[in-house]
Amino acid sequence: MLSAFMQAFRTPDLRAKLLFTLGIMALFRLGSIVPTPGVDVAAAEFCVGQAEDQGLFGLINIFSGGALLQLSVFALGIMPYITASIIIQLLRVVIPKFEELHKEGQSGTAKLTEYTRYLTIGLALLQSSTFVATAASGQLFPGCPQPVIAEATPVTLALMVVTMTAGTGLIMWLGELVTERGIGNGMSLLIFTSIVAQFPSNMLSIVRGSGGAGKFLAVIAIVLVATAAVIFVEQAQRRIPVQYAKRMVGRRQYGGSTTYIPVKINTAGVIPVIFASSLLAMPMLVAQFGNQSSGWVNWIMTNLQQTHPVYLTAYGVLILFFAFFYTAITFNPEEIADNMKRYGGFIPGIRAGEPTVRYLTYVINRVTTAGSIYLVVLALAPTAAVIAMGLTQALPFGGTTILIMVGVGLQTVKEINSQLQQRHYEGFLS
């Protein structure tokens, strides 16, 4: 990997792309520490440690690089765009017009991207209003002795909402710039930047807290083992062989080649984990605004803690459900079978048409079963390690963050290698 980066920096155009990408990542981190107008910075820094593991807020705080709990300009991070993208993909199943746009190719994809941008701004406006209202009411930092918003006037709160929404729009633009003019997927790299930025402080919190040197080394070992497992599984594929029949067009012969359909073990990626975490965090968020003496509030506060068996069981079941649900949306056996039949392709030993659809469905269900079990183990293992070691801090690199980091790193290195091969291709006379 290091040799690929060194060789890329020796190539002028790749070096320009890498420097541009690094510059955007630095600008993103700068916006994550610039406070929103009206925020008492000293009070926010004093109270931030009390809300770092708060369910949904803690999840979004991970993806914003710690910016949410500091109420900075980029407090919402990339989460509104991720949510909007997922919603647009899910709506393809419900709205036929979206499915038609998806099949139109580049023009349809551009229209869906436009819808995603509009929905991102709408979600950013809704989420920023929620977070600002939560901070103004004191629920964002429970037990904090001083308010984090100096003067909670309607003008100040409206200015904070507009600033955070504009910050989300700027992040979306920066991510698209990286995708267009840089290296790798811009949105994924911004998430990667947010997660890596918190690594030093999280590791120091274990050493200074209840961990000590021994537990610190144990955490490092767990992270390395989980990283190796993620690399192994993310690279694994189930290859379905496809053969194309020979056909004559004029005097030319086409087809006769053999290829394969690569099916990843983890087809759904990190989406099931994010969905499950967000869904389980919603009751905690609602309970914070309810009457603390109510029975349902006490039940939620007790049983939906991240270390409680009820939470862990529900978390695992939801990951399994969303893994199959999202895979069913993104992998369409009927569409793949129709495309194969149109171009004269077939799976050896399987007839074209409905038998191919049944075979592809059978394969994807078996692969998704293995992938969903892998996601459940990866998501629950860090929490089990925290309980076993008796740490008061959450594991700095949970299953979700490790999956994102390793996946983005592998994809970026693959893109650098592919561009290096294009520019250093050894021809017949070289």
Protein backbone atom coordinates (compact mmCIF):
# COMPACT_ATOMS: atom_id res chain seq x y z
CA MET A 1 0.00 0.00 0.00
CA LEU A 2 2.80 2.42 0.88
CA SER A 3 4.62 1.63 -2.36
CA ALA A 4 1.44 2.46 -4.30
CA PHE A 5 1.21 5.85 -2.58
CA MET A 6 4.90 6.57 -3.18
CA GLN A 7 4.60 5.70 -6.86
CA ALA A 8 1.43 7.80 -7.13
CA PHE A 9 3.25 10.86 -5.75
CA ARG A 10 5.89 10.43 -8.46
CA THR A 11 3.19 10.73 -11.15
CA PRO A 12 2.32 14.45 -11.67
CA ASP A 13 -1.43 14.13 -12.36
CA LEU A 14 -1.97 11.54 -9.60
CA ARG A 15 0.05 13.69 -7.21
CA ALA A 16 -2.24 16.63 -7.98
CA LYS A 17 -5.31 14.47 -7.29
CA LEU A 18 -3.90 13.18 -4.01
CA LEU A 19 -2.93 16.68 -2.81
CA PHE A 20 -6.37 17.98 -3.77
CA THR A 21 -8.03 15.17 -1.81
CA LEU A 22 -5.83 15.79 1.25
CA GLY A 23 -6.62 19.51 1.06
CA ILE A 24 -10.37 18.86 1.06
CA MET A 25 -9.99 16.50 4.01
CA ALA A 26 -8.05 19.19 5.94
CA LEU A 27 -10.74 21.77 5.11
CA PHE A 28 -13.39 19.35 6.34
CA ARG A 29 -11.59 18.93 9.67
CA LEU A 30 -11.25 22.70 10.00
CA GLY A 31 -15.00 23.13 9.64
CA SER A 32 -15.53 20.46 12.29
CA ILE A 33 -13.88 22.59 14.97
CA VAL A 34 -15.32 26.01 14.00
CA PRO A 35 -18.19 26.71 16.44
CA THR A 36 -21.65 27.73 15.31
CA PRO A 37 -22.61 31.35 16.17
CA GLY A 38 -24.25 31.51 19.59
CA VAL A 39 -22.43 28.51 21.14
CA ASP A 40 -20.53 28.91 24.40
CA VAL A 41 -17.34 27.08 23.42
CA ALA A 42 -16.03 26.74 26.99
CA ALA A 43 -19.31 25.25 28.23
CA ALA A 44 -19.51 22.85 25.28
CA GLU A 45 -15.97 21.59 25.89
CA PHE A 46 -16.74 21.15 29.59
CA CYS A 47 -19.93 19.15 28.99
CA VAL A 48 -18.96 17.19 25.89
CA GLY A 49 -17.61 14.22 27.84
CA GLN A 50 -21.00 13.55 29.42
CA ALA A 51 -22.80 12.84 26.13
CA GLU A 52 -20.26 10.96 24.04
CA ASP A 53 -22.07 7.62 24.22
CA GLN A 54 -25.65 8.82 23.84
CA GLY A 55 -27.24 6.43 21.36
CA LEU A 56 -28.18 8.24 18.18
CA PHE A 57 -26.22 11.37 19.13
CA GLY A 58 -23.15 9.25 19.77
CA LEU A 59 -23.54 7.51 16.40
CA ILE A 60 -23.83 10.80 14.50
CA ASN A 61 -20.98 12.24 16.57
CA ILE A 62 -18.74 9.42 15.26
CA PHE A 63 -19.55 10.26 11.64
CA SER A 64 -19.08 14.00 12.25
CA GLY A 65 -15.64 13.56 13.81
CA GLY A 66 -16.82 14.81 17.21
CA ALA A 67 -18.32 17.96 15.66
CA LEU A 68 -21.93 17.29 16.74
CA LEU A 69 -21.36 17.50 20.48
CA GLN A 70 -19.29 20.65 19.95
CA LEU A 71 -22.15 22.18 17.90
CA SER A 72 -19.74 23.24 15.17
CA VAL A 73 -20.49 24.38 11.61
CA PHE A 74 -20.14 20.80 10.34
CA ALA A 75 -22.01 19.36 13.32
CA LEU A 76 -24.30 17.14 11.21
CA GLY A 77 -21.39 15.71 9.24
CA ILE A 78 -22.25 13.50 6.30
CA MET A 79 -25.17 11.70 7.97
CA PRO A 80 -27.98 13.65 6.20
CA TYR A 81 -26.49 12.74 2.82
CA ILE A 82 -26.11 9.07 3.81
CA THR A 83 -29.71 8.97 5.04
CA ALA A 84 -30.97 10.70 1.89
CA SER A 85 -29.08 8.27 -0.36
CA ILE A 86 -30.52 5.27 1.49
CA ILE A 87 -34.05 6.70 1.33
CA ILE A 88 -33.79 7.31 -2.43
CA GLN A 89 -32.59 3.71 -2.93
CA LEU A 90 -35.47 2.36 -0.85
CA LEU A 91 -37.99 4.51 -2.74
CA ARG A 92 -36.99 2.75 -5.97
CA VAL A 93 -39.00 -0.21 -4.70
CA VAL A 94 -42.06 1.91 -3.90
CA ILE A 95 -42.06 4.56 -6.67
CA PRO A 96 -41.91 3.14 -10.23
CA LYS A 97 -40.66 6.50 -11.58
CA PHE A 98 -37.47 6.18 -9.55
CA GLU A 99 -36.88 2.67 -10.87
CA GLU A 100 -37.33 3.97 -14.43
CA LEU A 101 -34.79 6.72 -13.80
CA HIS A 102 -32.36 4.14 -12.43
CA LYS A 103 -32.65 2.14 -15.67
CA GLU A 104 -32.16 5.17 -17.92
CA GLY A 105 -28.43 5.25 -17.31
CA GLN A 106 -26.39 8.40 -16.77
CA SER A 107 -29.24 10.88 -17.28
CA GLY A 108 -31.50 9.03 -14.84
CA THR A 109 -28.71 8.73 -12.29
CA ALA A 110 -28.10 12.49 -12.53
CA LYS A 111 -31.79 13.11 -11.79
CA LEU A 112 -31.72 10.77 -8.78
CA THR A 113 -28.59 12.55 -7.53
CA GLU A 114 -30.47 15.86 -7.79
CA TYR A 115 -33.33 14.44 -5.72
CA THR A 116 -30.77 13.17 -3.18
CA ARG A 117 -29.31 16.67 -2.82
CA TYR A 118 -32.71 18.24 -2.20
CA LEU A 119 -33.59 15.57 0.34
CA THR A 120 -30.22 16.05 2.04
CA ILE A 121 -30.91 19.75 2.62
CA GLY A 122 -34.39 18.95 3.93
CA LEU A 123 -33.06 16.33 6.35
CA ALA A 124 -30.25 18.68 7.43
CA LEU A 125 -32.82 21.37 8.22
CA LEU A 126 -34.89 18.90 10.23
CA GLN A 127 -31.93 17.38 12.10
CA SER A 128 -30.29 20.72 12.88
CA SER A 129 -33.58 22.03 14.28
CA THR A 130 -33.85 18.92 16.46
CA PHE A 131 -30.28 19.15 17.77
CA VAL A 132 -30.45 22.89 18.42
CA ALA A 133 -33.76 22.50 20.27
CA THR A 134 -32.32 19.58 22.25
CA ALA A 135 -29.23 21.61 23.18
CA ALA A 136 -31.34 24.63 24.15
CA SER A 137 -33.52 22.50 26.44
CA GLY A 138 -30.48 20.93 28.12
CA GLN A 139 -31.25 17.37 26.92
CA LEU A 140 -28.17 17.12 24.67
CA PHE A 141 -25.89 17.34 27.73
CA PRO A 142 -27.83 15.86 30.67
CA GLY A 143 -26.48 17.06 34.01
CA CYS A 144 -24.41 19.87 32.52
CA PRO A 145 -24.31 22.75 35.08
CA GLN A 146 -24.17 25.54 32.45
CA PRO A 147 -25.99 26.06 29.14
CA VAL A 148 -24.01 25.55 25.95
CA ILE A 149 -26.04 28.20 24.10
CA ALA A 150 -25.27 31.60 25.59
CA GLU A 151 -28.51 33.35 24.59
CA ALA A 152 -31.22 30.98 23.40
CA THR A 153 -33.24 33.62 21.56
CA PRO A 154 -35.30 32.72 18.45
CA VAL A 155 -32.89 34.68 16.24
CA THR A 156 -29.85 32.87 17.66
CA LEU A 157 -31.47 29.43 17.34
CA ALA A 158 -32.56 30.18 13.76
CA LEU A 159 -29.04 31.34 12.88
CA MET A 160 -27.60 28.11 14.31
CA VAL A 161 -30.05 26.00 12.27
CA VAL A 162 -29.23 27.86 9.05
CA THR A 163 -25.48 27.60 9.71
CA MET A 164 -25.58 23.84 10.33
CA THR A 165 -27.78 23.28 7.26
CA ALA A 166 -25.40 25.34 5.11
CA GLY A 167 -22.49 23.34 6.56
CA THR A 168 -24.14 20.11 5.42
CA GLY A 169 -24.58 21.53 1.92
CA LEU A 170 -20.90 22.53 1.87
CA ILE A 171 -19.84 19.03 2.99
CA MET A 172 -21.95 17.51 0.21
CA TRP A 173 -20.26 19.80 -2.34
CA LEU A 174 -16.77 18.98 -0.99
CA GLY A 175 -17.48 15.25 -1.21
CA GLU A 176 -18.63 15.54 -4.81
CA LEU A 177 -15.51 17.59 -5.63
CA VAL A 178 -13.29 14.81 -4.28
CA THR A 179 -15.20 12.20 -6.31
CA GLU A 180 -14.87 14.29 -9.48
CA ARG A 181 -11.35 15.71 -9.17
CA GLY A 182 -9.64 13.64 -6.48
CA ILE A 183 -9.01 10.01 -5.59
CA GLY A 184 -11.69 7.66 -4.30
CA ASN A 185 -15.28 8.25 -3.24
CA GLY A 186 -15.54 11.68 -1.65
CA MET A 187 -18.33 10.94 0.83
CA SER A 188 -16.62 7.77 2.04
CA LEU A 189 -13.30 9.57 2.50
CA LEU A 190 -14.95 12.30 4.57
CA ILE A 191 -16.47 9.66 6.86
CA PHE A 192 -13.05 8.00 7.03
CA THR A 193 -11.51 11.35 8.04
CA SER A 194 -14.09 11.87 10.80
CA ILE A 195 -13.50 8.44 12.32
CA VAL A 196 -9.69 8.54 12.19
CA ALA A 197 -9.63 12.05 13.73
CA GLN A 198 -11.02 10.68 17.02
CA PHE A 199 -8.60 7.77 17.33
CA PRO A 200 -5.85 9.44 19.46
CA SER A 201 -8.25 10.93 22.02
CA ASN A 202 -10.22 7.69 22.33
CA MET A 203 -7.10 5.62 22.89
CA LEU A 204 -5.78 8.08 25.49
CA SER A 205 -9.13 7.93 27.32
CA ILE A 206 -8.61 4.18 27.89
CA VAL A 207 -5.10 4.66 29.26
CA ARG A 208 -6.11 7.54 31.54
CA GLY A 209 -9.41 5.98 32.59
CA SER A 210 -10.16 2.58 34.01
CA GLY A 211 -8.16 0.70 31.39
CA GLY A 212 -4.46 0.90 32.14
CA ALA A 213 -1.62 -0.39 30.00
CA GLY A 214 -2.77 -4.02 30.00
CA LYS A 215 -6.30 -3.28 28.79
CA PHE A 216 -4.91 -0.75 26.33
CA LEU A 217 -2.83 -3.50 24.71
CA ALA A 218 -5.86 -5.80 24.76
CA VAL A 219 -7.88 -3.16 22.91
CA ILE A 220 -5.10 -2.82 20.31
CA ALA A 221 -5.10 -6.60 19.83
CA ILE A 222 -8.91 -6.67 19.40
CA VAL A 223 -8.73 -3.86 16.83
CA LEU A 224 -6.00 -5.65 14.85
CA VAL A 225 -7.87 -8.98 14.85
CA ALA A 226 -11.11 -7.28 13.79
CA THR A 227 -9.27 -5.38 11.05
CA ALA A 228 -7.73 -8.60 9.70
CA ALA A 229 -11.16 -10.29 9.73
CA VAL A 230 -12.77 -7.36 7.89
CA ILE A 231 -10.04 -7.37 5.22
CA PHE A 232 -10.44 -11.11 4.71
CA VAL A 233 -14.24 -11.05 4.43
CA GLU A 234 -14.49 -7.84 2.40
CA GLN A 235 -12.13 -9.30 -0.20
CA ALA A 236 -14.03 -12.60 -0.37
CA GLN A 237 -16.32 -13.26 -3.34
CA ARG A 238 -18.68 -15.94 -4.58
CA ARG A 239 -18.03 -16.09 -8.31
CA ILE A 240 -20.92 -17.31 -10.46
CA PRO A 241 -19.56 -18.47 -13.84
CA VAL A 242 -21.23 -17.03 -16.96
CA GLN A 243 -20.61 -18.21 -20.52
CA TYR A 244 -21.59 -16.28 -23.65
CA ALA A 245 -22.58 -18.21 -26.74
CA LYS A 246 -20.94 -17.55 -30.08
CA ARG A 247 -22.95 -15.54 -32.60
CA MET A 248 -22.24 -14.24 -36.09
CA VAL A 249 -22.93 -10.60 -36.99
CA GLY A 250 -22.12 -10.20 -40.66
CA ARG A 251 -18.74 -11.82 -41.14
CA ARG A 252 -17.65 -11.27 -37.56
CA GLN A 253 -17.98 -13.69 -34.68
CA TYR A 254 -18.92 -12.38 -31.25
CA GLY A 255 -19.18 -14.09 -27.88
CA GLY A 256 -17.74 -17.39 -26.93
CA SER A 257 -16.10 -15.89 -23.84
CA THR A 258 -16.37 -16.99 -20.21
CA THR A 259 -16.66 -14.57 -17.30
CA TYR A 260 -18.25 -14.52 -13.85
CA ILE A 261 -20.61 -12.50 -11.65
CA PRO A 262 -18.77 -11.45 -8.45
CA VAL A 263 -21.02 -11.60 -5.38
CA LYS A 264 -19.47 -10.14 -2.24
CA ILE A 265 -19.96 -11.99 1.02
CA ASN A 266 -21.02 -8.75 2.67
CA THR A 267 -23.27 -7.42 -0.09
CA ALA A 268 -25.08 -4.88 2.10
CA GLY A 269 -21.91 -3.29 3.50
CA VAL A 270 -22.27 -1.19 6.64
CA ILE A 271 -25.88 -0.12 5.92
CA PRO A 272 -27.57 -2.79 8.16
CA VAL A 273 -25.44 -1.78 11.15
CA ILE A 274 -26.24 1.92 10.69
CA PHE A 275 -29.96 1.19 10.26
CA ALA A 276 -30.08 -1.02 13.37
CA SER A 277 -28.15 1.48 15.51
CA SER A 278 -30.33 4.39 14.42
CA LEU A 279 -33.57 2.49 14.96
CA LEU A 280 -32.60 1.36 18.48
CA ALA A 281 -31.42 4.86 19.39
CA MET A 282 -34.78 6.44 18.55
CA PRO A 283 -36.61 5.16 21.67
CA MET A 284 -33.81 6.55 23.86
CA LEU A 285 -34.19 9.92 22.18
CA VAL A 286 -37.96 9.92 22.67
CA ALA A 287 -37.61 8.79 26.30
CA GLN A 288 -35.40 11.78 27.11
CA PHE A 289 -38.33 14.09 26.43
CA GLY A 290 -40.83 11.97 28.38
CA ASN A 291 -41.75 11.90 32.05
CA GLN A 292 -38.85 10.26 33.86
CA SER A 293 -41.20 8.64 36.38
CA SER A 294 -43.24 6.84 33.70
CA GLY A 295 -42.95 3.08 33.44
CA TRP A 296 -42.23 2.99 29.71
CA VAL A 297 -39.49 5.59 30.09
CA ASN A 298 -37.82 3.58 32.86
CA TRP A 299 -38.09 0.39 30.80
CA ILE A 300 -36.43 2.01 27.79
CA MET A 301 -33.71 3.63 29.87
CA THR A 302 -32.95 0.31 31.59
CA ASN A 303 -33.27 -2.26 28.78
CA LEU A 304 -31.98 -0.29 25.81
CA GLN A 305 -28.56 0.50 27.24
CA GLN A 306 -25.82 -0.66 24.88
CA THR A 307 -24.59 -3.33 27.30
CA HIS A 308 -28.01 -4.78 28.20
CA PRO A 309 -28.94 -8.24 26.84
CA VAL A 310 -32.25 -6.95 25.45
CA TYR A 311 -30.44 -4.28 23.43
CA LEU A 312 -27.79 -6.70 22.17
CA THR A 313 -30.42 -9.25 21.12
CA ALA A 314 -32.54 -6.66 19.32
CA TYR A 315 -29.40 -5.21 17.71
CA GLY A 316 -28.39 -8.58 16.27
CA VAL A 317 -31.90 -9.38 15.00
CA LEU A 318 -32.23 -5.99 13.29
CA ILE A 319 -28.84 -6.37 11.60
CA LEU A 320 -29.92 -9.75 10.22
CA PHE A 321 -33.21 -8.29 8.96
CA PHE A 322 -31.69 -5.22 7.31
CA ALA A 323 -28.92 -7.28 5.71
CA PHE A 324 -31.47 -9.39 3.83
CA PHE A 325 -33.76 -6.42 3.19
CA TYR A 326 -31.08 -4.16 1.70
CA THR A 327 -29.55 -6.98 -0.35
CA ALA A 328 -32.98 -7.75 -1.83
CA ILE A 329 -33.22 -4.12 -2.95
CA THR A 330 -29.73 -3.74 -4.42
CA PHE A 331 -29.35 -7.21 -6.00
CA ASN A 332 -32.12 -7.97 -8.52
CA PRO A 333 -31.85 -11.55 -9.89
CA GLU A 334 -34.55 -10.94 -12.51
CA GLU A 335 -32.72 -7.93 -13.96
CA ILE A 336 -29.40 -9.80 -14.07
CA ALA A 337 -31.03 -12.84 -15.72
CA ASP A 338 -32.71 -10.64 -18.34
CA ASN A 339 -29.44 -8.90 -19.18
CA MET A 340 -27.66 -12.24 -19.52
CA LYS A 341 -30.40 -13.59 -21.80
CA ARG A 342 -30.35 -10.44 -23.92
CA TYR A 343 -26.64 -10.77 -24.68
CA GLY A 344 -26.60 -14.54 -25.06
CA GLY A 345 -25.14 -15.35 -21.66
CA PHE A 346 -26.00 -18.31 -19.48
CA ILE A 347 -24.80 -20.08 -16.35
CA PRO A 348 -23.36 -23.52 -17.23
CA GLY A 349 -25.87 -26.20 -16.31
CA ILE A 350 -28.70 -23.69 -15.72
CA ARG A 351 -31.29 -22.82 -18.34
CA ALA A 352 -31.89 -19.16 -19.18
CA GLY A 353 -34.95 -17.37 -17.85
CA GLU A 354 -36.78 -18.42 -14.68
CA PRO A 355 -34.33 -21.22 -13.71
CA THR A 356 -31.50 -18.65 -13.76
CA VAL A 357 -33.53 -16.32 -11.52
CA ARG A 358 -34.15 -19.15 -9.03
CA TYR A 359 -30.48 -20.13 -9.04
CA LEU A 360 -29.29 -16.54 -8.49
CA THR A 361 -31.83 -16.11 -5.66
CA TYR A 362 -30.62 -19.34 -4.05
CA VAL A 363 -26.97 -18.24 -4.24
CA ILE A 364 -27.55 -14.70 -2.95
CA ASN A 365 -29.64 -15.99 -0.02
CA ARG A 366 -26.86 -18.37 1.06
CA VAL A 367 -24.18 -15.70 0.67
CA THR A 368 -26.27 -13.10 2.52
CA THR A 369 -26.76 -15.53 5.41
CA ALA A 370 -22.99 -15.78 5.88
CA GLY A 371 -22.55 -12.03 5.41
CA SER A 372 -25.27 -11.13 7.91
CA ILE A 373 -23.80 -13.44 10.57
CA TYR A 374 -20.41 -11.82 9.96
CA LEU A 375 -21.96 -8.35 10.46
CA VAL A 376 -23.65 -9.42 13.71
CA VAL A 377 -20.39 -10.83 15.13
CA LEU A 378 -18.43 -7.76 14.04
CA ALA A 379 -20.99 -5.36 15.55
CA LEU A 380 -21.41 -7.19 18.88
CA ALA A 381 -17.80 -8.25 19.50
CA PRO A 382 -16.56 -4.77 20.60
CA THR A 383 -19.41 -4.41 23.10
CA ALA A 384 -18.74 -7.92 24.43
CA ALA A 385 -15.06 -6.98 24.84
CA VAL A 386 -15.99 -3.83 26.78
CA ILE A 387 -18.22 -5.86 29.13
CA ALA A 388 -15.60 -8.59 29.59
CA MET A 389 -12.77 -6.13 30.37
CA GLY A 390 -14.92 -3.91 32.55
CA LEU A 391 -14.05 -0.71 30.68
CA THR A 392 -16.08 2.42 31.39
CA GLN A 393 -15.25 3.84 27.96
CA ALA A 394 -16.68 2.49 24.74
CA LEU A 395 -14.27 0.71 22.47
CA PRO A 396 -12.73 3.45 20.30
CA PHE A 397 -13.06 1.38 17.16
CA GLY A 398 -16.37 -0.42 17.13
CA GLY A 399 -17.40 -2.84 14.43
CA THR A 400 -19.08 -0.13 12.36
CA THR A 401 -16.05 2.16 12.36
CA ILE A 402 -13.62 -0.66 11.56
CA LEU A 403 -15.81 -1.78 8.66
CA ILE A 404 -15.97 1.74 7.23
CA MET A 405 -12.27 2.46 7.67
CA VAL A 406 -11.02 -0.77 6.18
CA GLY A 407 -13.57 -0.72 3.35
CA VAL A 408 -12.75 2.86 2.36
CA GLY A 409 -9.01 2.20 2.64
CA LEU A 410 -9.18 -0.88 0.42
CA GLN A 411 -11.33 0.86 -2.17
CA THR A 412 -9.03 3.90 -2.30
CA VAL A 413 -5.90 1.76 -2.70
CA LYS A 414 -7.60 -0.23 -5.49
CA GLU A 415 -8.42 2.99 -7.34
CA ILE A 416 -4.85 4.27 -6.98
CA ASN A 417 -3.50 0.95 -8.29
CA SER A 418 -5.89 0.99 -11.24
CA GLN A 419 -4.86 4.51 -12.21
CA LEU A 420 -1.19 3.61 -11.79
CA GLN A 421 -1.66 0.65 -14.15
CA GLN A 422 -3.27 2.92 -16.74
CA ARG A 423 -0.36 5.35 -16.62
CA HIS A 424 2.45 2.77 -16.37
CA TYR A 425 1.15 0.15 -18.73
CA GLU A 426 3.96 -1.96 -20.18
CA GLY A 427 3.38 -2.27 -23.91
CA PHE A 428 4.78 -4.76 -26.40
CA LEU A 429 7.96 -2.77 -27.05
CA SER A 430 8.63 -1.64 -23.46
